[in-house]
N, C-alpha and C. Protein backbone atom coordinates (compact mmCIF):
# COMPACT_ATOMS: atom_id res chain seq x y z
N UNK A 1 -2.55 10.51 2.76
CA UNK A 1 -2.76 9.30 1.99
C UNK A 1 -4.15 8.82 2.33
N UNK A 2 -5.00 8.69 1.28
CA UNK A 2 -6.38 8.29 1.50
C UNK A 2 -6.69 7.05 0.65
N UNK A 3 -7.14 6.00 1.32
CA UNK A 3 -7.61 4.79 0.66
C UNK A 3 -9.13 4.79 0.73
N UNK A 4 -9.75 4.52 -0.39
CA UNK A 4 -11.22 4.40 -0.43
C UNK A 4 -11.58 3.03 -0.97
N UNK A 5 -12.82 2.64 -0.75
CA UNK A 5 -13.36 1.43 -1.37
C UNK A 5 -13.93 1.82 -2.73
N UNK A 6 -14.29 0.84 -3.51
CA UNK A 6 -14.73 1.06 -4.89
C UNK A 6 -15.98 1.95 -4.97
N UNK A 7 -16.81 1.92 -3.92
CA UNK A 7 -18.01 2.76 -3.90
C UNK A 7 -17.73 4.17 -3.39
N UNK A 8 -16.47 4.48 -3.11
CA UNK A 8 -16.08 5.81 -2.65
C UNK A 8 -16.04 5.96 -1.14
N UNK A 9 -16.49 4.97 -0.40
CA UNK A 9 -16.49 5.08 1.06
C UNK A 9 -15.05 5.05 1.59
N UNK A 10 -14.83 5.71 2.73
CA UNK A 10 -13.47 5.74 3.29
C UNK A 10 -13.04 4.38 3.79
N UNK A 11 -11.77 4.05 3.58
CA UNK A 11 -11.21 2.78 4.03
C UNK A 11 -10.11 3.04 5.06
N UNK A 12 -9.02 3.67 4.66
CA UNK A 12 -7.92 4.05 5.53
C UNK A 12 -7.46 5.45 5.17
N UNK A 13 -6.97 6.18 6.14
CA UNK A 13 -6.31 7.45 5.85
C UNK A 13 -5.26 7.70 6.91
N UNK A 14 -4.23 8.42 6.50
CA UNK A 14 -3.14 8.70 7.42
C UNK A 14 -2.37 9.92 6.93
N UNK A 15 -2.13 10.87 7.83
CA UNK A 15 -1.26 11.99 7.44
C UNK A 15 0.18 11.48 7.36
N UNK A 16 0.85 11.83 6.29
CA UNK A 16 2.23 11.39 6.09
C UNK A 16 3.01 12.55 5.50
N UNK A 17 4.30 12.51 5.68
CA UNK A 17 5.19 13.53 5.12
C UNK A 17 5.69 13.06 3.77
N UNK A 18 5.67 13.95 2.79
CA UNK A 18 6.24 13.62 1.48
C UNK A 18 7.75 13.69 1.61
N UNK A 19 8.40 12.55 1.40
CA UNK A 19 9.85 12.45 1.59
C UNK A 19 10.62 12.77 0.33
N UNK A 20 10.05 12.43 -0.83
CA UNK A 20 10.74 12.67 -2.08
C UNK A 20 10.26 11.71 -3.16
N UNK A 21 10.97 11.74 -4.27
CA UNK A 21 10.62 10.94 -5.44
C UNK A 21 11.86 10.29 -5.99
N UNK A 22 11.68 9.13 -6.59
CA UNK A 22 12.75 8.49 -7.34
C UNK A 22 12.14 7.76 -8.52
N UNK A 23 12.91 6.88 -9.13
CA UNK A 23 12.40 6.19 -10.33
C UNK A 23 11.22 5.28 -10.02
N UNK A 24 10.99 4.96 -8.75
CA UNK A 24 9.89 4.07 -8.39
C UNK A 24 8.58 4.81 -8.13
N UNK A 25 8.66 6.09 -7.81
CA UNK A 25 7.46 6.87 -7.53
C UNK A 25 7.70 7.85 -6.40
N UNK A 26 6.62 8.19 -5.70
CA UNK A 26 6.65 9.16 -4.61
C UNK A 26 6.67 8.39 -3.29
N UNK A 27 7.57 8.82 -2.40
CA UNK A 27 7.72 8.18 -1.09
C UNK A 27 7.14 9.09 -0.02
N UNK A 28 6.26 8.51 0.80
CA UNK A 28 5.65 9.19 1.94
C UNK A 28 6.10 8.48 3.20
N UNK A 29 6.20 9.20 4.31
CA UNK A 29 6.66 8.55 5.53
C UNK A 29 5.98 9.06 6.77
N UNK A 30 5.99 8.21 7.80
CA UNK A 30 5.43 8.57 9.10
C UNK A 30 6.27 7.89 10.18
N UNK A 31 6.58 8.63 11.24
CA UNK A 31 7.35 8.04 12.35
C UNK A 31 6.45 7.20 13.24
N UNK A 32 7.06 6.45 14.13
CA UNK A 32 6.29 5.74 15.15
C UNK A 32 5.45 6.77 15.90
N UNK A 33 4.22 6.39 16.23
CA UNK A 33 3.31 7.29 16.91
C UNK A 33 2.36 8.03 15.99
N UNK A 34 2.58 7.93 14.67
CA UNK A 34 1.68 8.58 13.71
C UNK A 34 0.29 7.96 13.82
N UNK A 35 -0.70 8.73 13.48
CA UNK A 35 -2.09 8.29 13.59
C UNK A 35 -2.58 7.73 12.25
N UNK A 36 -3.19 6.55 12.30
CA UNK A 36 -3.85 5.96 11.13
C UNK A 36 -5.33 5.81 11.49
N UNK A 37 -6.16 6.06 10.51
CA UNK A 37 -7.61 6.04 10.74
C UNK A 37 -8.28 5.07 9.78
N UNK A 38 -9.07 4.14 10.31
CA UNK A 38 -9.80 3.18 9.48
C UNK A 38 -11.23 3.66 9.32
N UNK A 39 -11.64 3.87 8.06
CA UNK A 39 -12.99 4.35 7.79
C UNK A 39 -13.24 5.67 8.49
N UNK A 40 -14.35 5.74 9.19
CA UNK A 40 -14.70 6.95 9.92
C UNK A 40 -14.35 6.84 11.41
N UNK A 41 -13.71 5.75 11.79
CA UNK A 41 -13.37 5.51 13.20
C UNK A 41 -12.31 6.49 13.68
N UNK A 42 -12.22 6.60 14.98
CA UNK A 42 -11.17 7.40 15.60
C UNK A 42 -9.82 6.79 15.25
N UNK A 43 -8.84 7.61 14.99
CA UNK A 43 -7.52 7.12 14.62
C UNK A 43 -6.81 6.46 15.79
N UNK A 44 -5.78 5.68 15.43
CA UNK A 44 -4.96 5.03 16.46
C UNK A 44 -3.50 5.24 16.09
N UNK A 45 -2.68 5.31 17.12
CA UNK A 45 -1.24 5.49 16.92
C UNK A 45 -0.62 4.19 16.44
N UNK A 46 0.26 4.29 15.48
CA UNK A 46 1.00 3.15 14.95
C UNK A 46 2.34 3.12 15.68
N UNK A 47 2.74 1.95 16.19
CA UNK A 47 3.93 1.90 17.05
C UNK A 47 5.24 1.61 16.31
N UNK A 48 5.27 1.87 15.02
CA UNK A 48 6.49 1.66 14.24
C UNK A 48 6.52 2.68 13.10
N UNK A 49 7.72 3.08 12.72
CA UNK A 49 7.88 3.97 11.56
C UNK A 49 7.57 3.19 10.30
N UNK A 50 7.10 3.89 9.27
CA UNK A 50 6.82 3.23 8.00
C UNK A 50 6.86 4.25 6.87
N UNK A 51 7.13 3.73 5.68
CA UNK A 51 7.09 4.56 4.47
C UNK A 51 6.18 3.87 3.46
N UNK A 52 5.53 4.71 2.66
CA UNK A 52 4.64 4.20 1.61
C UNK A 52 5.17 4.67 0.27
N UNK A 53 5.29 3.74 -0.65
CA UNK A 53 5.65 4.06 -2.03
C UNK A 53 4.36 4.15 -2.84
N UNK A 54 4.18 5.29 -3.49
CA UNK A 54 3.05 5.50 -4.38
C UNK A 54 3.62 5.53 -5.80
N UNK A 55 3.50 4.42 -6.54
CA UNK A 55 4.05 4.41 -7.90
C UNK A 55 3.26 5.36 -8.79
N UNK A 56 3.90 5.84 -9.82
CA UNK A 56 3.24 6.83 -10.68
C UNK A 56 1.98 6.29 -11.36
N UNK A 57 2.03 5.05 -11.82
CA UNK A 57 0.87 4.52 -12.53
C UNK A 57 0.60 3.05 -12.24
N UNK A 58 1.18 2.53 -11.19
CA UNK A 58 0.96 1.13 -10.84
C UNK A 58 -0.39 0.90 -10.21
N UNK A 59 -0.81 -0.34 -10.20
CA UNK A 59 -2.08 -0.74 -9.59
C UNK A 59 -1.81 -1.30 -8.20
N UNK A 60 -0.97 -0.61 -7.43
CA UNK A 60 -0.61 -1.04 -6.09
C UNK A 60 0.07 0.10 -5.35
N UNK A 61 0.11 -0.02 -4.03
CA UNK A 61 0.97 0.79 -3.19
C UNK A 61 1.74 -0.17 -2.29
N UNK A 62 2.86 0.25 -1.77
CA UNK A 62 3.65 -0.61 -0.91
C UNK A 62 4.01 0.13 0.37
N UNK A 63 3.79 -0.53 1.49
CA UNK A 63 4.16 0.02 2.79
C UNK A 63 5.33 -0.79 3.33
N UNK A 64 6.39 -0.10 3.70
CA UNK A 64 7.61 -0.71 4.22
C UNK A 64 7.68 -0.36 5.70
N UNK A 65 7.61 -1.37 6.55
CA UNK A 65 7.50 -1.17 7.99
C UNK A 65 8.83 -1.37 8.71
N UNK A 66 9.03 -0.55 9.72
CA UNK A 66 10.19 -0.70 10.59
C UNK A 66 9.86 -1.75 11.66
N UNK A 67 10.88 -2.23 12.34
CA UNK A 67 10.66 -3.11 13.48
C UNK A 67 9.96 -2.29 14.56
N UNK A 68 9.10 -2.83 15.36
CA UNK A 68 8.89 -4.24 15.66
C UNK A 68 7.82 -4.92 14.80
N UNK A 69 7.29 -4.26 13.81
CA UNK A 69 6.22 -4.86 12.99
C UNK A 69 6.74 -6.13 12.33
N UNK A 70 6.06 -7.27 12.51
CA UNK A 70 6.53 -8.53 11.90
C UNK A 70 6.37 -8.56 10.38
N UNK A 71 5.48 -7.71 9.84
CA UNK A 71 5.33 -7.61 8.39
C UNK A 71 6.32 -6.56 7.89
N UNK A 72 7.27 -7.00 7.08
CA UNK A 72 8.29 -6.09 6.55
C UNK A 72 7.70 -5.20 5.45
N UNK A 73 6.97 -5.82 4.51
CA UNK A 73 6.39 -5.09 3.37
C UNK A 73 4.95 -5.55 3.20
N UNK A 74 4.06 -4.57 3.04
CA UNK A 74 2.64 -4.86 2.83
C UNK A 74 2.19 -4.09 1.60
N UNK A 75 1.77 -4.80 0.57
CA UNK A 75 1.34 -4.17 -0.67
C UNK A 75 -0.17 -4.28 -0.82
N UNK A 76 -0.80 -3.16 -1.02
CA UNK A 76 -2.23 -3.11 -1.30
C UNK A 76 -2.41 -3.03 -2.81
N UNK A 77 -3.26 -3.86 -3.35
CA UNK A 77 -3.61 -3.75 -4.76
C UNK A 77 -4.70 -2.68 -4.84
N UNK A 78 -4.45 -1.68 -5.68
CA UNK A 78 -5.30 -0.50 -5.74
C UNK A 78 -5.45 -0.05 -7.20
N UNK A 79 -6.32 0.91 -7.40
CA UNK A 79 -6.33 1.60 -8.68
C UNK A 79 -5.10 2.51 -8.72
N UNK A 80 -4.70 2.98 -9.91
CA UNK A 80 -3.58 3.91 -9.96
C UNK A 80 -3.86 5.15 -9.09
N UNK A 81 -2.83 5.73 -8.50
CA UNK A 81 -3.03 6.87 -7.60
C UNK A 81 -3.53 8.10 -8.35
N UNK A 82 -4.33 8.87 -7.62
CA UNK A 82 -4.77 10.18 -8.12
C UNK A 82 -4.33 11.23 -7.11
N UNK A 83 -3.56 12.18 -7.59
CA UNK A 83 -3.12 13.28 -6.74
C UNK A 83 -4.18 14.37 -6.84
N UNK A 84 -4.94 14.56 -5.75
CA UNK A 84 -6.00 15.56 -5.72
C UNK A 84 -5.45 16.95 -5.48
N UNK A 85 -4.29 17.00 -4.87
CA UNK A 85 -3.56 18.23 -4.58
C UNK A 85 -2.11 17.80 -4.38
N UNK A 86 -1.17 18.75 -4.35
CA UNK A 86 0.23 18.35 -4.13
C UNK A 86 0.44 17.59 -2.82
N UNK A 87 -0.46 17.76 -1.88
CA UNK A 87 -0.31 17.11 -0.58
C UNK A 87 -1.41 16.10 -0.27
N UNK A 88 -2.13 15.63 -1.29
CA UNK A 88 -3.17 14.62 -1.04
C UNK A 88 -3.25 13.64 -2.21
N UNK A 89 -3.05 12.38 -1.88
CA UNK A 89 -3.14 11.32 -2.88
C UNK A 89 -4.21 10.34 -2.43
N UNK A 90 -4.95 9.82 -3.39
CA UNK A 90 -5.99 8.84 -3.07
C UNK A 90 -5.90 7.67 -4.04
N UNK A 91 -6.27 6.50 -3.52
CA UNK A 91 -6.35 5.28 -4.32
C UNK A 91 -7.62 4.55 -3.91
N UNK A 92 -8.08 3.66 -4.79
CA UNK A 92 -9.19 2.77 -4.44
C UNK A 92 -8.61 1.41 -4.13
N UNK A 93 -8.87 0.95 -2.91
CA UNK A 93 -8.37 -0.34 -2.46
C UNK A 93 -9.19 -1.45 -3.11
N UNK A 94 -8.53 -2.39 -3.76
CA UNK A 94 -9.21 -3.49 -4.46
C UNK A 94 -9.11 -4.80 -3.69
N UNK A 95 -8.90 -4.70 -2.38
CA UNK A 95 -9.00 -5.83 -1.46
C UNK A 95 -7.78 -6.74 -1.44
N UNK A 96 -7.26 -7.11 -2.57
CA UNK A 96 -6.13 -8.04 -2.62
C UNK A 96 -4.88 -7.39 -2.02
N UNK A 97 -4.13 -8.17 -1.28
CA UNK A 97 -2.89 -7.68 -0.66
C UNK A 97 -1.83 -8.76 -0.80
N UNK A 98 -0.58 -8.30 -0.82
CA UNK A 98 0.55 -9.23 -0.83
C UNK A 98 1.51 -8.72 0.24
N UNK A 99 1.92 -9.63 1.12
CA UNK A 99 2.84 -9.20 2.18
C UNK A 99 4.04 -10.13 2.27
N UNK A 100 5.12 -9.52 2.75
CA UNK A 100 6.31 -10.29 3.07
C UNK A 100 6.63 -10.07 4.55
N UNK A 101 6.68 -11.16 5.26
CA UNK A 101 7.06 -11.10 6.67
C UNK A 101 8.58 -11.02 6.80
N UNK A 102 9.05 -10.66 7.94
CA UNK A 102 10.50 -10.57 8.17
C UNK A 102 11.17 -11.92 8.02
N UNK A 103 10.43 -12.99 8.14
CA UNK A 103 10.97 -14.34 7.95
C UNK A 103 11.23 -14.65 6.48
N UNK A 104 10.72 -13.80 5.57
CA UNK A 104 10.85 -14.04 4.14
C UNK A 104 9.60 -14.65 3.53
N UNK A 105 8.66 -15.10 4.36
CA UNK A 105 7.42 -15.69 3.85
C UNK A 105 6.60 -14.64 3.11
N UNK A 106 6.13 -14.99 1.91
CA UNK A 106 5.29 -14.11 1.09
C UNK A 106 3.91 -14.74 0.98
N UNK A 107 2.89 -13.93 1.16
CA UNK A 107 1.51 -14.42 1.11
C UNK A 107 0.63 -13.47 0.30
N UNK A 108 -0.31 -14.05 -0.44
CA UNK A 108 -1.38 -13.28 -1.08
C UNK A 108 -2.56 -13.36 -0.12
N UNK A 109 -3.14 -12.21 0.19
CA UNK A 109 -4.21 -12.13 1.18
C UNK A 109 -5.52 -11.62 0.57
N UNK A 110 -6.61 -11.98 1.22
CA UNK A 110 -7.94 -11.43 0.97
C UNK A 110 -8.52 -11.75 -0.41
N UNK A 111 -8.16 -12.92 -0.94
CA UNK A 111 -8.74 -13.33 -2.22
C UNK A 111 -10.25 -13.50 -2.10
N UNK A 112 -10.73 -13.97 -0.96
CA UNK A 112 -12.18 -14.13 -0.74
C UNK A 112 -12.88 -12.78 -0.72
N UNK A 113 -12.26 -11.79 -0.11
CA UNK A 113 -12.82 -10.44 -0.08
C UNK A 113 -12.89 -9.85 -1.49
N UNK A 114 -11.86 -10.11 -2.28
CA UNK A 114 -11.85 -9.63 -3.67
C UNK A 114 -13.02 -10.21 -4.45
N UNK A 115 -13.25 -11.50 -4.30
CA UNK A 115 -14.38 -12.15 -5.00
C UNK A 115 -15.71 -11.55 -4.54
N UNK A 116 -15.88 -11.38 -3.24
CA UNK A 116 -17.13 -10.83 -2.71
C UNK A 116 -17.34 -9.39 -3.17
N UNK A 117 -16.29 -8.58 -3.11
CA UNK A 117 -16.43 -7.17 -3.50
C UNK A 117 -16.52 -7.01 -5.02
N UNK A 118 -15.95 -7.93 -5.74
CA UNK A 118 -16.09 -7.90 -7.20
C UNK A 118 -17.58 -7.97 -7.57
N UNK A 119 -18.31 -8.85 -6.90
CA UNK A 119 -19.75 -8.98 -7.13
C UNK A 119 -20.51 -7.79 -6.54
N UNK A 120 -20.18 -7.42 -5.31
CA UNK A 120 -20.90 -6.35 -4.61
C UNK A 120 -20.76 -5.00 -5.31
N UNK A 121 -19.53 -4.65 -5.69
CA UNK A 121 -19.27 -3.34 -6.28
C UNK A 121 -19.28 -3.35 -7.81
N UNK A 122 -19.29 -4.52 -8.41
CA UNK A 122 -19.32 -4.59 -9.87
C UNK A 122 -18.01 -4.17 -10.51
N UNK A 123 -16.88 -4.69 -10.01
CA UNK A 123 -15.61 -4.38 -10.64
C UNK A 123 -15.68 -4.70 -12.13
N UNK A 124 -15.17 -3.80 -12.94
CA UNK A 124 -15.17 -4.03 -14.38
C UNK A 124 -14.13 -5.09 -14.74
N UNK A 125 -14.23 -5.62 -15.93
CA UNK A 125 -13.26 -6.62 -16.40
C UNK A 125 -11.85 -6.08 -16.39
N UNK A 126 -11.67 -4.82 -16.77
CA UNK A 126 -10.34 -4.21 -16.79
C UNK A 126 -9.78 -4.11 -15.37
N UNK A 127 -10.62 -3.73 -14.42
CA UNK A 127 -10.17 -3.62 -13.03
C UNK A 127 -9.73 -4.99 -12.51
N UNK A 128 -10.51 -6.02 -12.79
CA UNK A 128 -10.17 -7.38 -12.35
C UNK A 128 -8.85 -7.81 -12.99
N UNK A 129 -8.71 -7.58 -14.28
CA UNK A 129 -7.49 -7.97 -14.99
C UNK A 129 -6.26 -7.26 -14.43
N UNK A 130 -6.37 -5.95 -14.20
CA UNK A 130 -5.24 -5.18 -13.66
C UNK A 130 -4.90 -5.61 -12.24
N UNK A 131 -5.93 -5.87 -11.43
CA UNK A 131 -5.70 -6.30 -10.04
C UNK A 131 -4.97 -7.64 -10.00
N UNK A 132 -5.40 -8.59 -10.81
CA UNK A 132 -4.76 -9.90 -10.82
C UNK A 132 -3.34 -9.82 -11.37
N UNK A 133 -3.11 -8.95 -12.34
CA UNK A 133 -1.75 -8.75 -12.87
C UNK A 133 -0.86 -8.13 -11.80
N UNK A 134 -1.40 -7.20 -11.01
CA UNK A 134 -0.62 -6.58 -9.93
C UNK A 134 -0.24 -7.63 -8.88
N UNK A 135 -1.17 -8.50 -8.53
CA UNK A 135 -0.87 -9.56 -7.55
C UNK A 135 0.25 -10.46 -8.07
N UNK A 136 0.18 -10.85 -9.34
CA UNK A 136 1.21 -11.73 -9.91
C UNK A 136 2.57 -11.03 -9.88
N UNK A 137 2.61 -9.76 -10.25
CA UNK A 137 3.87 -9.00 -10.22
C UNK A 137 4.42 -8.91 -8.80
N UNK A 138 3.57 -8.49 -7.85
CA UNK A 138 4.02 -8.29 -6.47
C UNK A 138 4.47 -9.60 -5.83
N UNK A 139 3.74 -10.67 -6.07
CA UNK A 139 4.10 -11.97 -5.51
C UNK A 139 5.51 -12.37 -5.97
N UNK A 140 5.78 -12.20 -7.24
CA UNK A 140 7.10 -12.54 -7.78
C UNK A 140 8.17 -11.57 -7.29
N UNK A 141 7.86 -10.28 -7.29
CA UNK A 141 8.84 -9.27 -6.90
C UNK A 141 9.24 -9.40 -5.43
N UNK A 142 8.27 -9.70 -4.57
CA UNK A 142 8.58 -9.82 -3.14
C UNK A 142 9.38 -11.08 -2.82
N UNK A 143 9.34 -12.04 -3.72
CA UNK A 143 10.11 -13.28 -3.54
C UNK A 143 11.53 -13.16 -4.11
N UNK A 144 11.75 -12.15 -4.95
CA UNK A 144 13.04 -12.03 -5.63
C UNK A 144 13.84 -10.84 -5.15
N UNK A 145 14.90 -10.58 -5.85
CA UNK A 145 15.77 -9.45 -5.55
C UNK A 145 15.40 -8.30 -6.48
N UNK A 146 14.19 -7.79 -6.32
CA UNK A 146 13.62 -6.79 -7.21
C UNK A 146 13.43 -5.48 -6.44
N UNK A 147 13.91 -4.40 -7.01
CA UNK A 147 13.70 -3.09 -6.40
C UNK A 147 12.32 -2.56 -6.79
N UNK A 148 11.71 -1.85 -5.90
CA UNK A 148 12.19 -1.24 -4.67
C UNK A 148 12.03 -2.12 -3.43
N UNK A 149 11.75 -3.40 -3.62
CA UNK A 149 11.42 -4.30 -2.51
C UNK A 149 12.63 -4.97 -1.88
N UNK A 150 13.81 -4.68 -2.38
CA UNK A 150 15.02 -5.33 -1.90
C UNK A 150 15.80 -4.43 -0.93
N UNK A 151 16.36 -3.35 -1.45
CA UNK A 151 17.21 -2.47 -0.64
C UNK A 151 16.80 -1.00 -0.68
N UNK A 152 16.26 -0.54 -1.79
CA UNK A 152 16.01 0.90 -1.99
C UNK A 152 15.20 1.54 -0.88
N UNK A 153 14.25 0.83 -0.34
CA UNK A 153 13.35 1.43 0.65
C UNK A 153 14.06 1.76 1.98
N UNK A 154 15.18 1.11 2.28
CA UNK A 154 15.87 1.34 3.55
C UNK A 154 16.28 2.80 3.71
N UNK A 155 16.70 3.43 2.62
CA UNK A 155 17.08 4.84 2.65
C UNK A 155 15.90 5.71 3.10
N UNK A 156 14.72 5.44 2.56
CA UNK A 156 13.54 6.24 2.89
C UNK A 156 13.08 5.96 4.31
N UNK A 157 13.12 4.73 4.73
CA UNK A 157 12.69 4.38 6.08
C UNK A 157 13.60 5.03 7.13
N UNK A 158 14.89 5.11 6.84
CA UNK A 158 15.83 5.75 7.77
C UNK A 158 15.49 7.21 7.99
N UNK A 159 14.86 7.85 7.02
CA UNK A 159 14.52 9.26 7.13
C UNK A 159 13.36 9.54 8.09
N UNK A 160 12.58 8.52 8.43
CA UNK A 160 11.44 8.76 9.35
C UNK A 160 11.62 8.10 10.71
N UNK A 161 12.71 7.41 10.91
CA UNK A 161 12.95 6.75 12.22
C UNK A 161 13.11 7.78 13.32
């Protein structure tokens, strides 16, 4: 799983196992101890299992975290995924994020970064429109009883524990 910035520079990457597919998209997973790498920095071990949902054509990805991570679900607003090979998917991170903590609190994050990068990278009108629509959808979905954010992900997370 490779996240890039709008200019193509590396943002995050992590080796993950392809767990399977369902009506929501492709599910990738990593156990506790998996390595995540930010930009070109040396990777670090993540101390909790997690799964990532890569929707077929959505403008977001969703990471579902196991305990002890206080963030239950973290959604990155991105461009639609591009599968470069059967075992490599990439997205462009558009800065905006929506998370749900285990307490149920839902927050939209990094709106200031989105504004700054919109100017810096020259996001097109379509990109801005799609990103804001994704935030609105995710904010509502994470507050409601909407799949895959309600129960469906538990099956996938159990497979990487």
